[in-house]
Each structure stands twice: as structure tokens, then as C-alpha cells.
């Protein structure tokens, strides 16, 4: 395996095909990279310009004043192999290829070019992502070799002011990979990496996951897959992630005939049979998601309560809206969860502060009056103490922060002290102040009730998968000890 550190943590970067025209992709890459405080040197390589956006340009990588770690290639596909060869000979050991026109092209010419890329990368032991990718972002290094508008300097800051854990995105789709960053940052989610892999001629998704697991700084992985290229690598790395307690949240594209056609033309991927992938995912506790928002919301649940996963599938629902409670109950049951009637002692405690038209059976409808009198946190606390539930869904309206601000300290205290996960679903569009409040307190905020239910089911299944893994490891150790004795 080549040195992926040279790719993701380069000390210097050459942009091959750089341009001063910021209306085109070649110019936007330079503009975006220079818009962030990357500490290393950036060298434009251009055959037609001597200065690119204020930086001295060089006609070839062989003319650079120092060896560089990373080459960013955005030139016509037919020139990529010879340029990659030149990079290898110059001692450059990593490249990200943004050019298209390889195996995804009909006919054999593009596939032949891609095979040349693979051969050259192997010859020089180069860490190469792409081709047909959209680059990557390393937020810790403020390094963004991409033309994605999501990473423009005037867009959302690369890192939040307050963060609980770090996420990595690895996506075969460039646009959708950076879209996950775009969905997550307004929720104050912290992304360590966004890496788009395109056709995966050399480095594959699970090679990058393996590297990041060894690095030990990523807590949750969001993977957008079109194809699992090397199944043996998948098995090894998925088992490693499960053992480390680092969840893989996966969206697998190509689930339909039309989708399989799309991924074949997109990255030349062979999507495979959905049932086969699902069986692989279940074996390693991999969470399968179905849209970008679901991926982000489930990841936020792990960031908040990954160390306090539910011990089972019994859910307590606390709501100020009777209709919202019924909707959440249906969603939980549809997800394979249980919504049991609460034990008598818990119901008696809740009933102390319920109006006559509320109910403590589960869902617990505390009504708007109950919330105004006691706040959300107190009712949720009583519910978390019930021996009949393993997790809690707290249903709120986040439209106005008034009640929540009054309840801020009790909510923060509950988040710190509860041993059971508490997931928040807002049935109205949450105000930015409410998003900030829940992020500060340490709660995941869902805007889709089915995502909330699916997230709880996934967390319970993941804990069970890890417990099975631990049990198997103990059994194997016992057998080994018996043989030794």
C-alpha cells in the first residue's frame, strides 16, 4: 500500500493544469486552495501562463524549486498518463486526478488510459485517487484541492467552533461527497476529511478507511459506494472498524436497474446485487442509509451517544404533540423497534405533572401545557429512568427557541447524566438558535421522524453486533488457551 499520508497530508502541492480563469474548473481549484490557510507551498503548473492568480507558475513539475508531495491533475485525459509518469520520475508520491474520460467512457480508449494510470502508480508506489473525482478536503490542514463550490472560502467555515467527534466522508461521487459536508456543517458537524474517489483506479474506498482507522482521529465514516471493488479488503477493514467501534454509515448506489445503469456510466462501476451487499453490511454492523439527510442525522446521533448505545430496541416517546407521538410510534414500529407501555412507577411519576387530557402510557403525551409548566427535560428524564425502555425519542417544536432557552440547563444536565440515548425530533423546522442549543447540549436533532427511528434501530443493532464480536473473541481465546494448556 502506498503512503496515503503523502496524499492527505502533503507539505507542498503542484496543480497541473492550473489557470487564472476562475470561471473554469482549472482556475477555481487554485482559487479555492488559496482561499484557505494551508501552510504548505502551492505551485501552479501551466504551459501557457507564467503567473497564476498571483503565484509563480512553472511549465513542468521538473522545473519546480523543490520536490512536492502531491500533484493535482486537471488536464485532458489523454495527457494524464504521461504527466503522471513525469510526476513519478520527479519523486512525487501522491496524486489526485480530477480529469474525466477514462473507464467511464464508452469504447476501449478510456479504459486503456485508466490501466496506464494504474500501471504508473504501481511502478512509482504512488498514492493516487481518481480519476474522474472531485478532489478532497482535509479540514485540519485547511487543504482543499477541489473545484467544489461547497469548499469556497466564503462558504461555511471548514470546522465548527464546538465539535463532538469527527466524521470522514469517502465518496465515489464528487458532487454527493461534498454535498454531505454541505448538509452537515450547518448542524455544526465536524468533518475531518471529504475524499472523492471517482473511478478508483488505484486507491479504493476501504483503503482510505483503513488508513483513517489507523490514524485514529475519525469517529464516524460516511461512505457513498457505487461498487465494492476488492471484497477481501472490505472484509478486513469492515471487521477492523467494528472492532474499533467506528461505525460505517453507507449509502449504496445502484439498487435498481436504472441505478445500475447510472453508476456504470458514472464511474464504470459494477453495482452488484443489492441482497449480496445487504448481507455483507449486516455481518459487520454497517448502517445502510438512503439519502444525504439520513446519513447526516444518524451520524449526529452517534456523535452524541456513540458511547451510550441502546441496550435493546424498546423506545420511550415523549411529546408535546399527540399527533407527533403517534407518528413517531408508527415510525419506530416500522423500523423494527418496540414501544411498550411504561411501568407503573414511571407512569405515576409522570402523571404528577400531566393535565387530565395527557397520557403517560407511551407515547407519553405531556401536552403543550405540561411542557410550559415543567419543560421538556424533566419529562424526558423520568422516561429515561424507566426500566422498560432502552432509549428515548423527545419530540419538540424547534420553531421558536423561547421554551428551549428556558430549559437549557436541565437539557444539558440530562445529556451529561443519562445512560440511555435521547434523540430529538422537531416536527417543525428548527430555528438556527435551536440547532445551536441542542448541539451545545450534546443532542442529535432530527427533522425526519423515520430517520430518527432508523437511527435508533441502527444503534441497537450495532451494539448487538459488537457484543457478538466480543463474545466470539472470548470464545476463540478460550479455545486457544485450552489448546495451550
Foldseek 3Di string as FASTA:
>chain_A
DFDCCLVAPKQEEEEEQAAQPCVDFNPLLVQLQVLFPQPHYYEYADCPDQAHPNHGHHPAQLPDPDQIAEYEYDDELVCVLVNLLRNLVSPHAEYEAAHDDAQLDPDCPRPVSLVSVQVSNVVSSHHYFDYNAFAKDQLVSRGGSGNDPCSHNPHQRLAAPDEQFEEEEEECHRVVLSVLVVLQVLLRYHYRMRGHRHLCSDPDPLNVLVVVVVVPRHQEYEYEEAADDDVVSVVVSLQVCLLVLREYEYEYFDADVVRQVVVCSGRVHRRDHPVVVVVVCLLSLHHYDHDSQLSNLLVLLCSQQSVQAFQAQEEAEEEQDPVVQVVLQVLLVVLVGHFFFFDPVLQVVLVVQADPPFGRGGNGHRHPVSCVVPNQLVNVVSVLPTPRGRAYEYEDAQCDCVSVVVCLVSLLVCSVPRSHAYAYEHCYDHDSVSSVSCVVSRHRYDPDSNSVSNSSSSSNSSVVSSVVVVVVVVVVVVVVVVVVD
